[in-house]
Each structure stands twice: as structure tokens, then as C-alpha cells.
């Protein structure tokens, strides 16, 4: 069974409702139609029902089992309840008039559907930049108890090989505490995909082979992650070859239970993480699924604006899996 079939099997039967704020985009329509037809999740599209149905009919898409919500025609009693919930959630930081403006934005509206548990998760970003997807989630849904920040992981897949890379999407810099938290959350993400996490804290140094503030920070992050999850298989600081190649690990990190066998790679900052996953994707022939947003209380997924309908389909399934787990 390949990864997609495995994920579909885990999600089917749970009837997870996933909202797509960009209901007028054809790629989203195509993905929603397939999700509904395959009975994997229950898609909810935001947008003009007439325009969405016309676009679907023009392209032979069946949306009979896809719910469409037109924000402008949302029942007043339900809208007032949502508005009140938003104002209360913001604890005086957002006025009622500002909240009304927010609810005209489909990303904010979709986020409120998630927050109020009217749907189980949200997938956006096909036509919006990352900030437009993540900002409402941070302002309204916020992070899980005990988690301070959201991070972005990628599932890297090639045949039977699966790795989790993080943070490759959200945090420009990571201090030791932040890196340790990303490590713990990434291990949880790995478990979603049947990966027994072995976490490598990456650096240009292995076990003190180089010195400097950046090396010290990764060393401290490793210790903090062990304190946060004592059962986690984690080691650092490790160079990439020491993390992945057993022969190199024997020379550079003898006795390590992670070195040479790592499957969760934690990068010290966003620049190296983003470059790293794209190198593996473009030159290594791996498929990159993500970014998978980690740390939120309820799942919100961000798409690339260059995504395909199949990308949206898969991310929606991952989003549903996050909401179940």
C-alpha cells in the first residue's frame, strides 16, 4: 500500500469536514469533487454558489456531495453567533466593526468555522500567500496547550523512504528553545505517517567538531528536547552525513542510536530548512508534501500557489488525519 492509499484508509469513515476558503479556484473544485466522490472527507467550499456551480458544470465536475457556503448569504443568526464568538475570542483586541471586516475575508470566515468546530480543518493558500492563511489561525485558533509557536514540516517521500523535515516554512530564526519545540512537534508529525521518529538536530558540526554560537544553540536545543520528551530518540548536534549515513555516523558519532538512521531532520533556521527540502525534492527526486503546519490547536494547512488539484487532494487528507489524531 502506498502512502496516499494508507492515509485514505485511515481517514475514511471519520466524515471529517474540511473547509476550502478558495472555492472559486478550479484546482480547489477539482480536488473537492474527487474528495467527495472518493468519500474521503466532506468538503465545504466558500464562495458564490452560482459561480462555483457554473465553473463545475463547464468542466464536468460533480459537486452534488460538496457543501457550498456563500459568506454574503450566511444566515443572520449564524453570522451573529460567529461575530460574537470572534469578538469574545479577541479579548478586546478587535472591535465589533473590525471583526465584521474580518468575516468578509474567506480565510477568517473559514478559520472561524474551524474554531467553532463547525468543520474539522481548513486548507487554503492556492491563491493566497502563506501569511493570509496562517495569520487568522494564529489570531483565532492559536497554539495547543504547552506549545508556543507554529512551525512548518514537509513529508519527503520516495518509494518506501519517508522523512520529516522542519522548520522549512514558518520561523525565520530558531533559538534553542524554539528548535527543541519544533523537534518534539515534528516527531509527533512523523508518527502520523507511520514513521518511528529518530530525530537529528542538524548543524555544520558533529559532537563538537566545530565551535561557535550556532553550534552551542543546537547542542542546547537537543538537551531541551530531551527534557520535553525523555522517551524521544534524538541526537545532536549532527552534520547531515552523520545523521543519514551509517558509515559516517560510526566515525563521527559512535554509539549514537540516531546517527546514521535519522528520519526526522530539524534544521537550525528557516533558510537552511527551505533550501534543504527543495534540494532533496529537485535533485533527489523526492516528493515534498506540505507544508504541514504543526502546533495549532486545530489543523489549518497552507498550500503553495503553484499547487495542483492532486496536491490539494493530498493536503486535505493530511489535514483530516491531523484533526482525527
C-alpha atoms as a PDB file:
ATOM      1  CA  UNK A   1       0.000   0.000   0.000  1.00  0.00           C
ATOM      2  CA  UNK A   2       1.462   3.388  -0.993  1.00  0.00           C
ATOM      3  CA  UNK A   3       1.380   6.393   1.317  1.00  0.00           C
ATOM      4  CA  UNK A   4      -1.713   8.015  -0.191  1.00  0.00           C
ATOM      5  CA  UNK A   5      -3.730   4.791  -0.003  1.00  0.00           C
ATOM      6  CA  UNK A   6      -2.591   4.327   3.591  1.00  0.00           C
ATOM      7  CA  UNK A   7      -3.702   7.837   4.554  1.00  0.00           C
ATOM      8  CA  UNK A   8      -7.047   7.452   2.792  1.00  0.00           C
ATOM      9  CA  UNK A   9      -7.686   4.219   4.666  1.00  0.00           C
ATOM     10  CA  UNK A  10      -7.002   5.938   7.986  1.00  0.00           C
ATOM     11  CA  UNK A  11      -9.263   8.897   7.195  1.00  0.00           C
ATOM     12  CA  UNK A  12     -12.212   7.142   5.553  1.00  0.00           C
ATOM     13  CA  UNK A  13     -15.243   6.644   7.744  1.00  0.00           C
ATOM     14  CA  UNK A  14     -14.457   9.549  10.075  1.00  0.00           C
ATOM     15  CA  UNK A  15     -16.519  12.021   7.986  1.00  0.00           C
ATOM     16  CA  UNK A  16     -14.135  14.918   8.599  1.00  0.00           C
ATOM     17  CA  UNK A  17     -15.409  18.246   7.289  1.00  0.00           C
ATOM     18  CA  UNK A  18     -12.662  20.333   5.655  1.00  0.00           C
ATOM     19  CA  UNK A  19     -13.302  23.919   4.555  1.00  0.00           C
ATOM     20  CA  UNK A  20     -11.696  25.448   1.464  1.00  0.00           C
ATOM     21  CA  UNK A  21     -11.895  29.276   1.512  1.00  0.00           C
ATOM     22  CA  UNK A  22     -10.836  29.474  -2.162  1.00  0.00           C
ATOM     23  CA  UNK A  23     -13.946  27.819  -3.570  1.00  0.00           C
ATOM     24  CA  UNK A  24     -13.797  29.757  -6.835  1.00  0.00           C
ATOM     25  CA  UNK A  25     -10.449  28.282  -7.878  1.00  0.00           C
ATOM     26  CA  UNK A  26     -10.774  25.438 -10.380  1.00  0.00           C
ATOM     27  CA  UNK A  27      -7.990  23.369  -8.771  1.00  0.00           C
ATOM     28  CA  UNK A  28      -9.845  23.510  -5.467  1.00  0.00           C
ATOM     29  CA  UNK A  29     -13.101  22.496  -7.152  1.00  0.00           C
ATOM     30  CA  UNK A  30     -11.433  19.559  -8.856  1.00  0.00           C
ATOM     31  CA  UNK A  31      -9.884  18.375  -5.586  1.00  0.00           C
ATOM     32  CA  UNK A  32     -13.138  18.853  -3.651  1.00  0.00           C
ATOM     33  CA  UNK A  33     -15.113  16.878  -6.225  1.00  0.00           C
ATOM     34  CA  UNK A  34     -12.648  13.977  -6.045  1.00  0.00           C
ATOM     35  CA  UNK A  35     -12.550  14.051  -2.226  1.00  0.00           C
ATOM     36  CA  UNK A  36     -16.346  13.856  -2.103  1.00  0.00           C
ATOM     37  CA  UNK A  37     -16.547  11.221  -4.839  1.00  0.00           C
ATOM     38  CA  UNK A  38     -13.942   9.063  -3.076  1.00  0.00           C
ATOM     39  CA  UNK A  39     -15.799   9.593   0.232  1.00  0.00           C
ATOM     40  CA  UNK A  40     -12.533  10.521   1.933  1.00  0.00           C
ATOM     41  CA  UNK A  41     -13.598  13.804   3.546  1.00  0.00           C
ATOM     42  CA  UNK A  42     -16.636  16.078   3.364  1.00  0.00           C
ATOM     43  CA  UNK A  43     -15.506  19.253   1.546  1.00  0.00           C
ATOM     44  CA  UNK A  44     -17.005  22.662   2.325  1.00  0.00           C
ATOM     45  CA  UNK A  45     -16.386  25.399  -0.257  1.00  0.00           C
ATOM     46  CA  UNK A  46     -16.614  29.136   0.441  1.00  0.00           C
ATOM     47  CA  UNK A  47     -17.735  31.374  -2.404  1.00  0.00           C
ATOM     48  CA  UNK A  48     -20.618  32.250  -4.700  1.00  0.00           C
ATOM     49  CA  UNK A  49     -22.718  29.131  -5.172  1.00  0.00           C
ATOM     50  CA  UNK A  50     -23.806  30.216  -8.664  1.00  0.00           C
ATOM     51  CA  UNK A  51     -20.259  30.885  -9.857  1.00  0.00           C
ATOM     52  CA  UNK A  52     -18.915  27.694  -8.325  1.00  0.00           C
ATOM     53  CA  UNK A  53     -21.650  25.549  -9.859  1.00  0.00           C
ATOM     54  CA  UNK A  54     -21.246  27.217 -13.263  1.00  0.00           C
ATOM     55  CA  UNK A  55     -17.495  26.548 -13.223  1.00  0.00           C
ATOM     56  CA  UNK A  56     -18.101  22.961 -12.167  1.00  0.00           C
ATOM     57  CA  UNK A  57     -20.707  22.378 -14.883  1.00  0.00           C
ATOM     58  CA  UNK A  58     -18.452  23.860 -17.549  1.00  0.00           C
ATOM     59  CA  UNK A  59     -15.773  21.344 -16.621  1.00  0.00           C
ATOM     60  CA  UNK A  60     -17.955  18.317 -15.939  1.00  0.00           C
ATOM     61  CA  UNK A  61     -17.354  18.231 -12.184  1.00  0.00           C
ATOM     62  CA  UNK A  62     -19.926  16.679  -9.871  1.00  0.00           C
ATOM     63  CA  UNK A  63     -20.417  18.771  -6.734  1.00  0.00           C
ATOM     64  CA  UNK A  64     -23.596  17.061  -5.559  1.00  0.00           C
ATOM     65  CA  UNK A  65     -21.950  15.986  -2.303  1.00  0.00           C
ATOM     66  CA  UNK A  66     -19.955  19.172  -1.760  1.00  0.00           C
ATOM     67  CA  UNK A  67     -21.354  21.816   0.585  1.00  0.00           C
ATOM     68  CA  UNK A  68     -21.080  25.435  -0.583  1.00  0.00           C
ATOM     69  CA  UNK A  69     -21.299  28.409   1.796  1.00  0.00           C
ATOM     70  CA  UNK A  70     -21.781  31.884   0.377  1.00  0.00           C
ATOM     71  CA  UNK A  71     -20.438  34.236   3.034  1.00  0.00           C
ATOM     72  CA  UNK A  72     -22.689  37.054   1.811  1.00  0.00           C
ATOM     73  CA  UNK A  73     -25.777  34.866   2.223  1.00  0.00           C
ATOM     74  CA  UNK A  74     -24.852  33.211   5.528  1.00  0.00           C
ATOM     75  CA  UNK A  75     -27.925  33.037   7.823  1.00  0.00           C
ATOM     76  CA  UNK A  76     -28.049  36.108  10.069  1.00  0.00           C
ATOM     77  CA  UNK A  77     -28.486  34.160  13.309  1.00  0.00           C
ATOM     78  CA  UNK A  78     -25.426  32.025  12.485  1.00  0.00           C
ATOM     79  CA  UNK A  79     -23.455  35.088  11.393  1.00  0.00           C
ATOM     80  CA  UNK A  80     -24.250  36.925  14.647  1.00  0.00           C
ATOM     81  CA  UNK A  81     -23.150  33.901  16.641  1.00  0.00           C
ATOM     82  CA  UNK A  82     -19.877  33.796  14.711  1.00  0.00           C
ATOM     83  CA  UNK A  83     -19.339  37.542  15.110  1.00  0.00           C
ATOM     84  CA  UNK A  84     -19.903  37.362  18.853  1.00  0.00           C
ATOM     85  CA  UNK A  85     -17.535  34.398  19.137  1.00  0.00           C
ATOM     86  CA  UNK A  86     -14.833  36.258  17.217  1.00  0.00           C
ATOM     87  CA  UNK A  87     -15.113  39.412  19.332  1.00  0.00           C
ATOM     88  CA  UNK A  88     -15.010  37.327  22.523  1.00  0.00           C
ATOM     89  CA  UNK A  89     -12.031  35.331  21.290  1.00  0.00           C
ATOM     90  CA  UNK A  90     -10.032  38.507  20.655  1.00  0.00           C
ATOM     91  CA  UNK A  91     -10.481  39.724  24.257  1.00  0.00           C
ATOM     92  CA  UNK A  92     -10.912  43.379  23.317  1.00  0.00           C
ATOM     93  CA  UNK A  93      -8.092  43.451  20.739  1.00  0.00           C
ATOM     94  CA  UNK A  94     -10.584  43.611  17.863  1.00  0.00           C
ATOM     95  CA  UNK A  95     -13.667  45.861  17.790  1.00  0.00           C
ATOM     96  CA  UNK A  96     -17.015  44.634  16.550  1.00  0.00           C
ATOM     97  CA  UNK A  97     -16.627  46.695  13.362  1.00  0.00           C
ATOM     98  CA  UNK A  98     -13.154  45.269  12.738  1.00  0.00           C
ATOM     99  CA  UNK A  99     -14.496  41.767  13.320  1.00  0.00           C
ATOM    100  CA  UNK A 100     -17.192  42.369  10.681  1.00  0.00           C
ATOM    101  CA  UNK A 101     -14.466  43.336   8.207  1.00  0.00           C
ATOM    102  CA  UNK A 102     -12.510  40.208   9.065  1.00  0.00           C
ATOM    103  CA  UNK A 103     -15.516  37.971   8.419  1.00  0.00           C
ATOM    104  CA  UNK A 104     -15.761  39.281   4.869  1.00  0.00           C
ATOM    105  CA  UNK A 105     -12.397  37.615   4.261  1.00  0.00           C
ATOM    106  CA  UNK A 106     -12.891  33.908   3.409  1.00  0.00           C
ATOM    107  CA  UNK A 107      -9.740  32.900   5.306  1.00  0.00           C
ATOM    108  CA  UNK A 108     -11.037  34.496   8.513  1.00  0.00           C
ATOM    109  CA  UNK A 109     -14.512  33.104   7.921  1.00  0.00           C
ATOM    110  CA  UNK A 110     -13.095  29.622   7.308  1.00  0.00           C
ATOM    111  CA  UNK A 111     -10.896  29.885  10.388  1.00  0.00           C
ATOM    112  CA  UNK A 112     -13.942  30.750  12.485  1.00  0.00           C
ATOM    113  CA  UNK A 113     -15.737  27.678  11.157  1.00  0.00           C
ATOM    114  CA  UNK A 114     -12.794  25.626  12.428  1.00  0.00           C
ATOM    115  CA  UNK A 115     -12.622  27.465  15.758  1.00  0.00           C
ATOM    116  CA  UNK A 116     -16.360  26.994  16.366  1.00  0.00           C
ATOM    117  CA  UNK A 117     -15.980  23.282  15.452  1.00  0.00           C
ATOM    118  CA  UNK A 118     -18.454  23.575  12.584  1.00  0.00           C
ATOM    119  CA  UNK A 119     -15.739  21.969  10.456  1.00  0.00           C
ATOM    120  CA  UNK A 120     -12.703  19.921  11.441  1.00  0.00           C
ATOM    121  CA  UNK A 121      -9.955  21.692   9.498  1.00  0.00           C
ATOM    122  CA  UNK A 122      -9.098  24.219   6.794  1.00  0.00           C
ATOM    123  CA  UNK A 123      -6.991  24.121   3.618  1.00  0.00           C
ATOM    124  CA  UNK A 124      -6.055  27.386   1.910  1.00  0.00           C
ATOM    125  CA  UNK A 125      -3.204  29.053   0.035  1.00  0.00           C
ATOM    126  CA  UNK A 126      -3.892  28.155  -3.613  1.00  0.00           C
ATOM    127  CA  UNK A 127      -4.343  31.855  -4.393  1.00  0.00           C
ATOM    128  CA  UNK A 128      -3.359  33.467  -1.078  1.00  0.00           C
ATOM    129  CA  UNK A 129       0.159  33.940   0.341  1.00  0.00           C
ATOM    130  CA  UNK A 130       1.132  31.966   3.436  1.00  0.00           C
ATOM    131  CA  UNK A 131       0.609  34.949   5.754  1.00  0.00           C
ATOM    132  CA  UNK A 132      -3.061  35.218   4.741  1.00  0.00           C
ATOM    133  CA  UNK A 133      -3.617  31.598   5.751  1.00  0.00           C
ATOM    134  CA  UNK A 134      -1.511  31.498   8.902  1.00  0.00           C
ATOM    135  CA  UNK A 135      -2.372  34.898  10.414  1.00  0.00           C
ATOM    136  CA  UNK A 136      -6.075  34.141  11.112  1.00  0.00           C
ATOM    137  CA  UNK A 137      -5.109  30.769  12.564  1.00  0.00           C
ATOM    138  CA  UNK A 138      -2.628  32.395  14.955  1.00  0.00           C
ATOM    139  CA  UNK A 139      -5.103  35.121  15.946  1.00  0.00           C
ATOM    140  CA  UNK A 140      -8.113  32.863  16.458  1.00  0.00           C
ATOM    141  CA  UNK A 141      -7.283  29.160  16.777  1.00  0.00           C
ATOM    142  CA  UNK A 142      -3.868  29.683  18.384  1.00  0.00           C
ATOM    143  CA  UNK A 143      -1.456  27.006  19.514  1.00  0.00           C
ATOM    144  CA  UNK A 144      -2.059  23.850  21.511  1.00  0.00           C
ATOM    145  CA  UNK A 145      -1.571  23.986  25.287  1.00  0.00           C
ATOM    146  CA  UNK A 146       2.126  23.917  26.084  1.00  0.00           C
ATOM    147  CA  UNK A 147       3.176  24.889  22.560  1.00  0.00           C
ATOM    148  CA  UNK A 148       4.460  28.399  21.929  1.00  0.00           C
ATOM    149  CA  UNK A 149       4.773  28.539  18.150  1.00  0.00           C
ATOM    150  CA  UNK A 150       3.591  27.165  14.824  1.00  0.00           C
ATOM    151  CA  UNK A 151       6.155  25.522  12.559  1.00  0.00           C
ATOM    152  CA  UNK A 152       6.077  24.057   9.068  1.00  0.00           C
ATOM    153  CA  UNK A 153       7.176  20.497   8.272  1.00  0.00           C
ATOM    154  CA  UNK A 154       7.459  18.670   4.965  1.00  0.00           C
ATOM    155  CA  UNK A 155       6.941  14.954   4.498  1.00  0.00           C
ATOM    156  CA  UNK A 156       9.549  13.812   1.986  1.00  0.00           C
ATOM    157  CA  UNK A 157       8.611  10.615   0.156  1.00  0.00           C
ATOM    158  CA  UNK A 158      10.400   8.460  -2.421  1.00  0.00           C
ATOM    159  CA  UNK A 159       9.238   4.886  -2.729  1.00  0.00           C
ATOM    160  CA  UNK A 160       9.345   3.356   0.748  1.00  0.00           C
ATOM    161  CA  UNK A 161      11.598   6.116   2.083  1.00  0.00           C
ATOM    162  CA  UNK A 162       9.909   8.715   4.308  1.00  0.00           C
ATOM    163  CA  UNK A 163      11.432  11.650   6.158  1.00  0.00           C
ATOM    164  CA  UNK A 164      10.094  14.678   8.004  1.00  0.00           C
ATOM    165  CA  UNK A 165      11.964  17.981   7.547  1.00  0.00           C
ATOM    166  CA  UNK A 166      11.311  21.056   9.749  1.00  0.00           C
ATOM    167  CA  UNK A 167      11.099  24.007  10.101  1.00  0.00           C
ATOM    168  CA  UNK A 168      11.038  24.696   6.369  1.00  0.00           C
ATOM    169  CA  UNK A 169       8.203  27.225   6.136  1.00  0.00           C
ATOM    170  CA  UNK A 170       7.398  29.481   9.096  1.00  0.00           C
ATOM    171  CA  UNK A 171      10.054  30.645  11.590  1.00  0.00           C
ATOM    172  CA  UNK A 172      12.897  32.733  10.192  1.00  0.00           C
ATOM    173  CA  UNK A 173      15.143  32.006  13.166  1.00  0.00           C
ATOM    174  CA  UNK A 174      15.081  29.440  15.948  1.00  0.00           C
ATOM    175  CA  UNK A 175      16.683  29.868  19.349  1.00  0.00           C
ATOM    176  CA  UNK A 176      17.452  26.744  21.380  1.00  0.00           C
ATOM    177  CA  UNK A 177      14.005  26.564  23.000  1.00  0.00           C
ATOM    178  CA  UNK A 178      12.221  27.062  19.689  1.00  0.00           C
ATOM    179  CA  UNK A 179      14.305  24.435  17.918  1.00  0.00           C
ATOM    180  CA  UNK A 180      13.637  21.945  20.707  1.00  0.00           C
ATOM    181  CA  UNK A 181       9.894  22.539  20.424  1.00  0.00           C
ATOM    182  CA  UNK A 182       9.983  22.088  16.643  1.00  0.00           C
ATOM    183  CA  UNK A 183      11.823  18.792  17.198  1.00  0.00           C
ATOM    184  CA  UNK A 184       9.182  17.438  19.590  1.00  0.00           C
ATOM    185  CA  UNK A 185       6.272  18.522  17.363  1.00  0.00           C
ATOM    186  CA  UNK A 186       7.964  17.109  14.257  1.00  0.00           C
ATOM    187  CA  UNK A 187       8.319  13.736  15.950  1.00  0.00           C
ATOM    188  CA  UNK A 188       4.550  13.766  16.510  1.00  0.00           C
ATOM    189  CA  UNK A 189       4.024  14.612  12.849  1.00  0.00           C
ATOM    190  CA  UNK A 190       6.248  11.693  11.855  1.00  0.00           C
ATOM    191  CA  UNK A 191       4.071   9.302  13.852  1.00  0.00           C
ATOM    192  CA  UNK A 192       1.039  10.424  11.836  1.00  0.00           C
ATOM    193  CA  UNK A 193       2.651   8.827   8.791  1.00  0.00           C
ATOM    194  CA  UNK A 194       3.754   5.621  10.436  1.00  0.00           C
ATOM    195  CA  UNK A 195       7.327   6.794  10.988  1.00  0.00           C
ATOM    196  CA  UNK A 196       9.074   5.740  14.199  1.00  0.00           C
ATOM    197  CA  UNK A 197      10.846   9.064  14.804  1.00  0.00           C
ATOM    198  CA  UNK A 198      14.617   9.249  15.089  1.00  0.00           C
ATOM    199  CA  UNK A 199      15.353  12.956  15.341  1.00  0.00           C
ATOM    200  CA  UNK A 200      18.582  14.585  14.206  1.00  0.00           C
ATOM    201  CA  UNK A 201      19.337  18.157  15.270  1.00  0.00           C
ATOM    202  CA  UNK A 202      21.319  19.415  12.299  1.00  0.00           C
ATOM    203  CA  UNK A 203      24.399  21.613  12.292  1.00  0.00           C
ATOM    204  CA  UNK A 204      27.655  22.111  10.391  1.00  0.00           C
ATOM    205  CA  UNK A 205      29.273  20.417  13.392  1.00  0.00           C
ATOM    206  CA  UNK A 206      29.076  16.879  14.791  1.00  0.00           C
ATOM    207  CA  UNK A 207      29.613  16.345  18.516  1.00  0.00           C
ATOM    208  CA  UNK A 208      31.791  19.397  18.987  1.00  0.00           C
ATOM    209  CA  UNK A 209      33.851  19.104  15.789  1.00  0.00           C
ATOM    210  CA  UNK A 210      33.341  22.863  15.359  1.00  0.00           C
ATOM    211  CA  UNK A 211      32.754  25.665  17.815  1.00  0.00           C
ATOM    212  CA  UNK A 212      30.623  28.786  17.846  1.00  0.00           C
ATOM    213  CA  UNK A 213      27.297  30.240  18.983  1.00  0.00           C
ATOM    214  CA  UNK A 214      25.302  28.409  16.282  1.00  0.00           C
ATOM    215  CA  UNK A 215      26.741  25.061  17.360  1.00  0.00           C
ATOM    216  CA  UNK A 216      26.113  25.791  21.031  1.00  0.00           C
ATOM    217  CA  UNK A 217      22.479  26.680  20.269  1.00  0.00           C
ATOM    218  CA  UNK A 218      21.862  23.314  18.568  1.00  0.00           C
ATOM    219  CA  UNK A 219      23.530  21.489  21.462  1.00  0.00           C
ATOM    220  CA  UNK A 220      21.281  23.308  23.931  1.00  0.00           C
ATOM    221  CA  UNK A 221      18.218  22.614  21.772  1.00  0.00           C
ATOM    222  CA  UNK A 222      18.999  18.885  21.867  1.00  0.00           C
ATOM    223  CA  UNK A 223      19.151  18.883  25.657  1.00  0.00           C
ATOM    224  CA  UNK A 224      15.917  20.863  25.953  1.00  0.00           C
ATOM    225  CA  UNK A 225      14.101  18.494  23.586  1.00  0.00           C
ATOM    226  CA  UNK A 226      15.205  15.546  25.724  1.00  0.00           C
ATOM    227  CA  UNK A 227      13.783  17.271  28.773  1.00  0.00           C
ATOM    228  CA  UNK A 228      10.473  17.937  26.993  1.00  0.00           C
ATOM    229  CA  UNK A 229      10.168  14.341  25.773  1.00  0.00           C
ATOM    230  CA  UNK A 230      12.549  11.988  27.628  1.00  0.00           C
ATOM    231  CA  UNK A 231      11.401   8.996  25.550  1.00  0.00           C
ATOM    232  CA  UNK A 232      12.197  10.672  22.224  1.00  0.00           C
ATOM    233  CA  UNK A 233      15.053   9.177  20.178  1.00  0.00           C
ATOM    234  CA  UNK A 234      17.027  12.338  19.446  1.00  0.00           C
ATOM    235  CA  UNK A 235      20.665  13.320  19.000  1.00  0.00           C
ATOM    236  CA  UNK A 236      22.668  16.374  18.077  1.00  0.00           C
ATOM    237  CA  UNK A 237      24.443  18.303  17.039  1.00  0.00           C
ATOM    238  CA  UNK A 238      24.881  16.247  13.847  1.00  0.00           C
ATOM    239  CA  UNK A 239      26.051  17.062  10.354  1.00  0.00           C
ATOM    240  CA  UNK A 240      23.737  15.803   7.636  1.00  0.00           C
ATOM    241  CA  UNK A 241      26.028  12.949   6.560  1.00  0.00           C
ATOM    242  CA  UNK A 242      26.434  11.806  10.160  1.00  0.00           C
ATOM    243  CA  UNK A 243      22.642  11.864  10.571  1.00  0.00           C
ATOM    244  CA  UNK A 244      21.923   9.760   7.496  1.00  0.00           C
ATOM    245  CA  UNK A 245      24.919   7.579   6.569  1.00  0.00           C
ATOM    246  CA  UNK A 246      25.767   4.705   8.965  1.00  0.00           C
ATOM    247  CA  UNK A 247      29.422   4.540   7.895  1.00  0.00           C
ATOM    248  CA  UNK A 248      29.906   8.258   8.562  1.00  0.00           C
ATOM    249  CA  UNK A 249      27.979   8.020  11.837  1.00  0.00           C
ATOM    250  CA  UNK A 250      30.344   5.295  13.098  1.00  0.00           C
ATOM    251  CA  UNK A 251      33.272   7.662  12.576  1.00  0.00           C
ATOM    252  CA  UNK A 252      31.718  10.930  13.721  1.00  0.00           C
ATOM    253  CA  UNK A 253      29.144   9.872  16.348  1.00  0.00           C
ATOM    254  CA  UNK A 254      29.999   6.359  17.557  1.00  0.00           C
ATOM    255  CA  UNK A 255      27.453   4.891  19.922  1.00  0.00           C
ATOM    256  CA  UNK A 256      24.609   7.171  18.815  1.00  0.00           C
ATOM    257  CA  UNK A 257      21.241   5.434  18.412  1.00  0.00           C
ATOM    258  CA  UNK A 258      20.079   8.118  15.988  1.00  0.00           C
ATOM    259  CA  UNK A 259      23.132   8.985  13.882  1.00  0.00           C
ATOM    260  CA  UNK A 260      23.128   7.125  10.586  1.00  0.00           C
ATOM    261  CA  UNK A 261      19.440   6.267  10.913  1.00  0.00           C
ATOM    262  CA  UNK A 262      17.680   9.634  11.336  1.00  0.00           C
ATOM    263  CA  UNK A 263      14.294  10.113   9.675  1.00  0.00           C
ATOM    264  CA  UNK A 264      13.273  13.448  11.237  1.00  0.00           C
ATOM    265  CA  UNK A 265      15.657  16.261  10.326  1.00  0.00           C
ATOM    266  CA  UNK A 266      15.473  19.502  12.295  1.00  0.00           C
ATOM    267  CA  UNK A 267      17.194  22.456  10.653  1.00  0.00           C
ATOM    268  CA  UNK A 268      18.661  25.279  12.771  1.00  0.00           C
ATOM    269  CA  UNK A 269      16.847  28.050  10.897  1.00  0.00           C
ATOM    270  CA  UNK A 270      14.409  28.593   8.023  1.00  0.00           C
ATOM    271  CA  UNK A 271      16.940  29.376   5.313  1.00  0.00           C
ATOM    272  CA  UNK A 272      18.743  26.035   5.573  1.00  0.00           C
ATOM    273  CA  UNK A 273      15.462  24.158   6.025  1.00  0.00           C
ATOM    274  CA  UNK A 274      13.832  25.644   2.941  1.00  0.00           C
ATOM    275  CA  UNK A 275      16.936  25.110   0.806  1.00  0.00           C
ATOM    276  CA  UNK A 276      17.374  21.594   2.178  1.00  0.00           C
ATOM    277  CA  UNK A 277      13.920  20.263   1.346  1.00  0.00           C
ATOM    278  CA  UNK A 278      13.992  21.788  -2.139  1.00  0.00           C
ATOM    279  CA  UNK A 279      17.398  20.243  -2.881  1.00  0.00           C
ATOM    280  CA  UNK A 280      16.089  16.822  -1.888  1.00  0.00           C
ATOM    281  CA  UNK A 281      12.913  17.409  -3.903  1.00  0.00           C
ATOM    282  CA  UNK A 282      14.524  18.724  -7.089  1.00  0.00           C
ATOM    283  CA  UNK A 283      17.804  16.795  -7.196  1.00  0.00           C
ATOM    284  CA  UNK A 284      16.926  13.761  -5.104  1.00  0.00           C
ATOM    285  CA  UNK A 285      13.593  13.036  -6.762  1.00  0.00           C
ATOM    286  CA  UNK A 286      11.608  13.083  -3.518  1.00  0.00           C
ATOM    287  CA  UNK A 287       8.005  14.205  -3.355  1.00  0.00           C
ATOM    288  CA  UNK A 288       7.512  17.035  -0.856  1.00  0.00           C
ATOM    289  CA  UNK A 289       4.139  17.044   0.911  1.00  0.00           C
ATOM    290  CA  UNK A 290       3.458  20.205   2.858  1.00  0.00           C
ATOM    291  CA  UNK A 291       3.992  22.500   4.497  1.00  0.00           C
ATOM    292  CA  UNK A 292       2.257  20.671   7.322  1.00  0.00           C
ATOM    293  CA  UNK A 293       1.556  23.277   9.987  1.00  0.00           C
ATOM    294  CA  UNK A 294       2.459  21.985  13.446  1.00  0.00           C
ATOM    295  CA  UNK A 295       1.468  23.276  16.860  1.00  0.00           C
ATOM    296  CA  UNK A 296      -2.036  24.646  16.180  1.00  0.00           C
ATOM    297  CA  UNK A 297      -4.906  23.540  18.398  1.00  0.00           C
ATOM    298  CA  UNK A 298      -6.950  22.644  15.293  1.00  0.00           C
ATOM    299  CA  UNK A 299      -5.472  21.913  11.863  1.00  0.00           C
ATOM    300  CA  UNK A 300      -5.003  24.556   9.185  1.00  0.00           C
ATOM    301  CA  UNK A 301      -2.999  23.689   6.071  1.00  0.00           C
ATOM    302  CA  UNK A 302      -1.188  26.084   3.774  1.00  0.00           C
ATOM    303  CA  UNK A 303      -0.870  25.356   0.053  1.00  0.00           C
ATOM    304  CA  UNK A 304       1.669  26.601  -2.450  1.00  0.00           C
ATOM    305  CA  UNK A 305       0.192  28.981  -5.006  1.00  0.00           C
ATOM    306  CA  UNK A 306       1.694  26.720  -7.659  1.00  0.00           C
ATOM    307  CA  UNK A 307      -0.168  23.687  -6.318  1.00  0.00           C
ATOM    308  CA  UNK A 308      -2.117  21.236  -8.456  1.00  0.00           C
ATOM    309  CA  UNK A 309      -5.507  19.682  -7.753  1.00  0.00           C
ATOM    310  CA  UNK A 310      -3.743  16.479  -6.708  1.00  0.00           C
ATOM    311  CA  UNK A 311      -1.607  18.471  -4.233  1.00  0.00           C
ATOM    312  CA  UNK A 312      -4.769  19.939  -2.697  1.00  0.00           C
ATOM    313  CA  UNK A 313      -6.360  16.489  -2.549  1.00  0.00           C
ATOM    314  CA  UNK A 314      -3.425  15.057  -0.616  1.00  0.00           C
ATOM    315  CA  UNK A 315      -3.028  18.005   1.749  1.00  0.00           C
ATOM    316  CA  UNK A 316      -6.752  17.812   2.567  1.00  0.00           C
ATOM    317  CA  UNK A 317      -6.330  14.156   3.523  1.00  0.00           C
ATOM    318  CA  UNK A 318      -3.336  15.055   5.737  1.00  0.00           C
ATOM    319  CA  UNK A 319      -5.379  17.869   7.300  1.00  0.00           C
ATOM    320  CA  UNK A 320      -8.185  15.418   8.060  1.00  0.00           C
ATOM    321  CA  UNK A 321      -5.690  12.969   9.556  1.00  0.00           C
ATOM    322  CA  UNK A 322      -4.329  15.733  11.826  1.00  0.00           C
ATOM    323  CA  UNK A 323      -7.850  16.522  13.018  1.00  0.00           C
ATOM    324  CA  UNK A 324      -8.510  12.849  13.806  1.00  0.00           C
ATOM    325  CA  UNK A 325      -5.244  12.224  15.637  1.00  0.00           C
END
